[in-house]
Amino acid sequence: MTLLGDGTRTLVMGVVNVTPDSFSDGGAWFEPDAAVTHGRRLLADGADLLDVGGESTRPGAQRPSTDEELARVLPVVAELARSGAVVSVDTMRAEVAAAAIDAGAALVNDVSGGLADPDMLALVAARGVPYIAMHWRGHSADMQRRAAYDDVVAEVCCELAQRRDAALAAGIEAERLVLDPGLGFAKLFEHNWVLLANLAALQGLGQRVLVGASRKAFLGRVGRPDGVEPRPALERDAATAATSVLAAQAGVWGVRVHDVRSTRDALDVLEAQQAAGRRAAGS
């Protein structure tokens, strides 16, 4: 099995937020020791890899300085990597990515797809690590003002294809490149659902696909009548697990989630059902 898996099952990426203002956990894992303990718990719950990030990307969030982001993520990356975890660093900065790789990170997850830092793609190519490029239209402070599409699937695919081509041109190997449609990033409620319903179009871009629906606001509105407050982030894990099953049924490479156990259990059920179907077909 390679670092990115052998393609026989959808991988589960556990989220380790090392920020004081995460939309999903409110900074519960901000201190390094707490973040490392949380990461180890996610591994025990069945995570295949861990995504460590020091910059909140919730709508309206302001960016930390580079020094602050480095101080947040490096001790956590280093300790989790020493523990044997496959660690991804969630950053838009080449400087942070380089330092995290030096500390033990095995891949880079860049929500800007290389648009936020002109040095990112060359850095990743030089280091030879896998790279996740997400669909992105701008920083969190104003990204929701950019959520205007005539055809969200066609436009997201087109813009991701541009990032794919830029990554390949920079020297990132195709087998190391993963694309992410960026659910919740410059997307309105209906945009997210249309993208989830059309994952085949995203996979048609020829790369592995990562889906990150976990605890996002559009899931909080499911089943809630107009005028009723959405479910809070911590009450969206069942809905997240359902999206993980949908993504796995579509054959995506991975799902990025906050609560690993619920998604792992849901995917285990799916895999058991699929295995039984294969046995019946072969009998």
Protein backbone atom coordinates (compact mmCIF):
# COMPACT_ATOMS: atom_id res chain seq x y z
CA MET A 1 0.00 0.00 0.00
CA THR A 2 1.29 3.46 -0.88
CA LEU A 3 1.06 6.54 1.31
CA LEU A 4 -2.20 7.46 -0.43
CA GLY A 5 -3.63 3.95 -0.09
CA ASP A 6 -4.19 1.22 -2.65
CA GLY A 7 -7.54 2.47 -3.91
CA THR A 8 -9.56 -0.42 -2.47
CA ARG A 9 -11.26 1.64 0.24
CA THR A 10 -12.07 5.26 1.06
CA LEU A 11 -9.58 6.63 3.57
CA VAL A 12 -10.59 8.60 6.65
CA MET A 13 -8.65 11.78 7.41
CA GLY A 14 -9.09 12.96 10.99
CA VAL A 15 -9.06 16.70 11.66
CA VAL A 16 -6.77 18.14 14.33
CA ASN A 17 -7.51 21.86 14.64
CA VAL A 18 -4.79 23.75 16.50
CA THR A 19 -6.69 27.04 16.47
CA PRO A 20 -8.53 29.06 19.12
CA ASP A 21 -11.48 29.83 16.83
CA SER A 22 -12.44 26.66 14.96
CA PHE A 23 -16.08 26.56 13.89
CA SER A 24 -16.33 22.89 14.88
CA ASP A 25 -14.77 22.69 18.33
CA GLY A 26 -14.18 26.25 19.51
CA GLY A 27 -10.49 25.73 20.20
CA ALA A 28 -10.79 22.59 22.34
CA TRP A 29 -7.47 21.25 20.96
CA PHE A 30 -5.57 24.55 20.81
CA GLU A 31 -2.84 23.58 23.29
CA PRO A 32 -0.22 21.23 21.79
CA ASP A 33 -0.64 18.49 24.38
CA ALA A 34 -4.41 18.50 23.93
CA ALA A 35 -4.03 18.42 20.13
CA VAL A 36 -1.62 15.47 20.26
CA THR A 37 -3.90 13.56 22.65
CA HIS A 38 -6.83 14.26 20.34
CA GLY A 39 -4.88 13.11 17.30
CA ARG A 40 -3.97 9.84 18.98
CA ARG A 41 -7.62 9.33 19.89
CA LEU A 42 -8.61 9.82 16.26
CA LEU A 43 -6.06 7.20 15.23
CA ALA A 44 -7.48 4.78 17.78
CA ASP A 45 -10.93 5.48 16.36
CA GLY A 46 -9.78 4.41 12.91
CA ALA A 47 -8.27 7.42 11.16
CA ASP A 48 -5.93 6.52 8.31
CA LEU A 49 -4.20 9.89 8.44
CA LEU A 50 -4.39 13.13 10.42
CA ASP A 51 -4.73 16.68 9.09
CA VAL A 52 -3.12 19.26 11.39
CA GLY A 53 -4.00 22.90 10.78
CA GLY A 54 -3.18 26.14 12.56
CA GLU A 55 -5.36 28.56 10.59
CA SER A 56 -9.13 28.66 10.93
CA THR A 57 -10.91 28.79 7.59
CA ARG A 58 -14.44 29.33 8.93
CA PRO A 59 -16.32 32.13 7.13
CA GLY A 60 -15.10 35.50 8.37
CA ALA A 61 -11.95 34.20 10.05
CA GLN A 62 -8.85 36.40 10.11
CA ARG A 63 -5.45 34.92 9.30
CA PRO A 64 -2.79 34.36 11.98
CA SER A 65 0.74 35.52 11.31
CA THR A 66 3.16 33.02 9.80
CA ASP A 67 5.09 32.83 13.08
CA GLU A 68 1.89 32.10 15.00
CA GLU A 69 0.84 29.40 12.55
CA LEU A 70 4.27 27.77 12.79
CA ALA A 71 4.16 27.84 16.58
CA ARG A 72 0.75 26.19 16.55
CA VAL A 73 1.36 23.33 14.14
CA LEU A 74 5.01 22.29 14.33
CA PRO A 75 5.04 20.70 17.81
CA VAL A 76 1.84 18.81 17.04
CA VAL A 77 3.02 17.59 13.63
CA ALA A 78 6.35 16.48 15.08
CA GLU A 79 4.87 14.55 18.00
CA LEU A 80 2.15 12.85 15.97
CA ALA A 81 4.65 11.87 13.28
CA ARG A 82 6.93 10.45 15.99
CA SER A 83 3.94 8.42 17.15
CA GLY A 84 3.77 6.81 13.72
CA ALA A 85 0.84 8.76 12.29
CA VAL A 86 0.64 9.74 8.65
CA VAL A 87 0.34 13.50 9.08
CA SER A 88 -0.95 16.08 6.63
CA VAL A 89 -0.32 19.76 7.26
CA ASP A 90 -3.30 21.98 6.46
CA THR A 91 -1.75 25.26 5.34
CA MET A 92 -1.80 27.82 2.54
CA ARG A 93 1.76 28.98 3.24
CA ALA A 94 4.82 27.43 1.60
CA GLU A 95 6.99 28.38 4.58
CA VAL A 96 4.71 26.52 6.96
CA ALA A 97 4.47 23.55 4.61
CA ALA A 98 8.27 23.31 4.36
CA ALA A 99 8.76 23.47 8.11
CA ALA A 100 6.01 20.93 8.71
CA ILE A 101 7.54 18.51 6.21
CA ASP A 102 10.85 18.91 8.02
CA ALA A 103 8.99 18.11 11.25
CA GLY A 104 7.52 14.91 9.82
CA ALA A 105 4.45 15.82 7.76
CA ALA A 106 3.98 13.41 4.86
CA LEU A 107 1.62 15.48 2.71
CA VAL A 108 0.31 19.02 2.26
CA ASN A 109 -3.37 19.99 2.27
CA ASP A 110 -3.73 23.46 0.76
CA VAL A 111 -7.27 24.84 0.77
CA SER A 112 -6.20 27.53 -1.71
CA GLY A 113 -4.88 25.05 -4.27
CA GLY A 114 -1.69 27.09 -4.56
CA LEU A 115 -3.41 30.43 -5.14
CA ALA A 116 -2.65 31.95 -1.73
CA ASP A 117 1.14 31.52 -1.96
CA PRO A 118 2.95 31.56 -5.33
CA ASP A 119 5.78 29.48 -3.85
CA MET A 120 3.60 26.56 -2.71
CA LEU A 121 3.46 24.41 -5.84
CA ALA A 122 7.21 24.60 -6.45
CA LEU A 123 7.89 23.76 -2.81
CA VAL A 124 5.67 20.69 -2.90
CA ALA A 125 7.16 19.55 -6.20
CA ALA A 126 10.69 19.91 -4.84
CA ARG A 127 9.86 17.94 -1.70
CA GLY A 128 8.08 15.20 -3.62
CA VAL A 129 5.17 14.86 -1.19
CA PRO A 130 1.49 14.34 -2.01
CA TYR A 131 -0.56 17.51 -2.39
CA ILE A 132 -4.26 18.18 -1.88
CA ALA A 133 -5.53 21.14 -3.91
CA MET A 134 -8.94 22.49 -2.97
CA HIS A 135 -11.33 24.65 -4.97
CA TRP A 136 -10.95 28.17 -3.56
CA ARG A 137 -12.05 31.65 -4.51
CA GLY A 138 -10.55 33.73 -1.73
CA HIS A 139 -9.76 33.97 1.95
CA SER A 140 -12.29 33.30 4.67
CA ALA A 141 -12.87 36.97 5.45
CA ASP A 142 -14.87 37.46 2.25
CA MET A 143 -15.16 34.08 0.51
CA GLN A 144 -18.95 33.80 0.81
CA ARG A 145 -19.36 36.94 -1.30
CA ARG A 146 -17.79 34.94 -4.12
CA ALA A 147 -20.41 32.15 -4.02
CA ALA A 148 -21.96 32.99 -7.40
CA TYR A 149 -22.27 30.29 -10.07
CA ASP A 150 -24.29 29.74 -13.22
CA ASP A 151 -23.37 26.03 -13.14
CA VAL A 152 -21.57 25.13 -9.94
CA VAL A 153 -20.41 21.69 -11.09
CA ALA A 154 -19.01 22.92 -14.40
CA GLU A 155 -17.36 25.96 -12.84
CA VAL A 156 -15.81 24.10 -9.90
CA CYS A 157 -14.52 21.42 -12.26
CA CYS A 158 -13.08 24.06 -14.60
CA GLU A 159 -11.36 25.95 -11.79
CA LEU A 160 -10.04 22.74 -10.23
CA ALA A 161 -8.75 21.65 -13.63
CA GLN A 162 -6.76 24.88 -13.76
CA ARG A 163 -5.23 24.08 -10.37
CA ARG A 164 -4.51 20.52 -11.49
CA ASP A 165 -2.74 21.79 -14.58
CA ALA A 166 -0.76 24.34 -12.57
CA ALA A 167 0.32 21.66 -10.09
CA LEU A 168 1.39 19.29 -12.84
CA ALA A 169 3.24 22.06 -14.66
CA ALA A 170 5.10 22.87 -11.44
CA GLY A 171 6.36 19.30 -11.30
CA ILE A 172 3.95 17.68 -8.84
CA GLU A 173 3.47 14.09 -9.99
CA ALA A 174 -0.06 13.16 -11.04
CA GLU A 175 -0.16 10.16 -8.71
CA ARG A 176 0.60 12.46 -5.77
CA LEU A 177 -2.16 14.98 -6.55
CA VAL A 178 -5.58 14.99 -4.86
CA LEU A 179 -8.43 17.41 -5.65
CA ASP A 180 -11.06 18.70 -3.22
CA PRO A 181 -14.28 20.48 -4.33
CA GLY A 182 -14.16 22.76 -1.30
CA LEU A 183 -17.59 22.21 0.19
CA GLY A 184 -18.55 25.23 2.27
CA PHE A 185 -15.87 27.44 0.72
CA ALA A 186 -17.56 30.11 -1.42
CA LYS A 187 -20.53 27.74 -1.67
CA LEU A 188 -24.15 28.28 -0.69
CA PHE A 189 -26.41 25.55 0.76
CA GLU A 190 -27.60 24.27 -2.61
CA HIS A 191 -24.12 24.41 -4.20
CA ASN A 192 -22.78 21.88 -1.70
CA TRP A 193 -25.56 19.38 -2.37
CA VAL A 194 -25.25 19.67 -6.13
CA LEU A 195 -21.51 19.00 -5.87
CA LEU A 196 -22.11 15.98 -3.63
CA ALA A 197 -24.59 14.68 -6.18
CA ASN A 198 -22.03 15.04 -8.97
CA LEU A 199 -18.82 13.59 -7.54
CA ALA A 200 -18.38 11.60 -10.75
CA ALA A 201 -17.79 14.85 -12.62
CA LEU A 202 -15.03 15.79 -10.18
CA GLN A 203 -13.46 12.36 -10.52
CA GLY A 204 -13.57 12.89 -14.26
CA LEU A 205 -10.70 15.34 -13.78
CA GLY A 206 -8.47 12.27 -13.49
CA GLN A 207 -7.19 12.68 -9.92
CA ARG A 208 -8.05 11.27 -6.52
CA VAL A 209 -10.80 13.24 -4.78
CA LEU A 210 -11.10 14.26 -1.14
CA VAL A 211 -14.49 15.30 0.27
CA GLY A 212 -14.66 17.50 3.36
CA ALA A 213 -18.28 17.95 4.42
CA SER A 214 -17.69 17.41 8.12
CA ARG A 215 -19.86 19.50 10.46
CA LYS A 216 -20.30 22.23 7.87
CA ALA A 217 -23.21 24.63 8.06
CA PHE A 218 -25.17 23.11 5.18
CA LEU A 219 -25.44 19.86 7.15
CA GLY A 220 -26.86 21.76 10.12
CA ARG A 221 -29.81 22.82 7.99
CA VAL A 222 -30.79 19.32 6.87
CA GLY A 223 -34.32 18.52 8.00
CA ARG A 224 -34.74 21.92 9.63
CA PRO A 225 -37.72 24.00 8.44
CA ASP A 226 -37.14 27.59 7.39
CA GLY A 227 -36.87 29.82 10.42
CA VAL A 228 -35.57 27.04 12.69
CA GLU A 229 -31.99 27.41 13.88
CA PRO A 230 -29.55 24.96 12.25
CA ARG A 231 -28.13 22.20 14.41
CA PRO A 232 -24.85 23.32 16.06
CA ALA A 233 -21.60 21.94 14.71
CA LEU A 234 -21.19 19.25 17.36
CA GLU A 235 -24.59 17.80 16.46
CA ARG A 236 -23.74 17.24 12.79
CA ASP A 237 -21.69 14.05 13.03
CA ALA A 238 -24.49 11.68 12.00
CA ALA A 239 -25.11 13.82 8.93
CA THR A 240 -21.37 13.87 8.29
CA ALA A 241 -21.22 10.06 8.44
CA ALA A 242 -24.04 9.92 5.89
CA THR A 243 -22.10 12.15 3.50
CA SER A 244 -19.04 9.95 4.04
CA VAL A 245 -21.05 6.92 2.88
CA LEU A 246 -22.30 8.84 -0.16
CA ALA A 247 -18.74 9.85 -1.01
CA ALA A 248 -17.43 6.32 -0.55
CA GLN A 249 -20.19 4.92 -2.76
CA ALA A 250 -19.03 7.35 -5.42
CA GLY A 251 -15.51 5.94 -5.06
CA VAL A 252 -13.68 8.97 -3.67
CA TRP A 253 -10.16 8.60 -2.30
CA GLY A 254 -10.86 10.07 1.13
CA VAL A 255 -13.16 11.92 3.48
CA ARG A 256 -12.00 14.55 5.96
CA VAL A 257 -13.93 14.39 9.25
CA HIS A 258 -13.85 15.66 12.81
CA ASP A 259 -15.49 12.64 14.45
CA VAL A 260 -13.67 9.63 13.06
CA ARG A 261 -15.56 6.91 14.94
CA SER A 262 -18.99 7.65 13.46
CA THR A 263 -17.64 7.83 9.91
CA ARG A 264 -15.43 4.75 10.37
CA ASP A 265 -18.42 2.77 11.65
CA ALA A 266 -20.57 3.93 8.73
CA LEU A 267 -17.89 3.04 6.19
CA ASP A 268 -17.34 -0.36 7.84
CA VAL A 269 -21.04 -1.09 7.33
CA LEU A 270 -20.81 -0.07 3.68
CA GLU A 271 -17.67 -2.15 3.14
CA ALA A 272 -19.28 -5.21 4.77
CA GLN A 273 -22.32 -4.86 2.53
CA GLN A 274 -20.17 -4.46 -0.57
CA ALA A 275 -18.03 -7.46 0.37
CA ALA A 276 -21.14 -9.60 0.83
CA GLY A 277 -22.36 -8.50 -2.59
CA ARG A 278 -19.08 -9.50 -4.18
CA ARG A 279 -19.17 -12.92 -2.49
CA ALA A 280 -22.74 -13.49 -3.66
CA ALA A 281 -21.83 -12.50 -7.20
CA GLY A 282 -18.93 -14.93 -7.21
CA SER A 283 -20.86 -17.89 -5.84
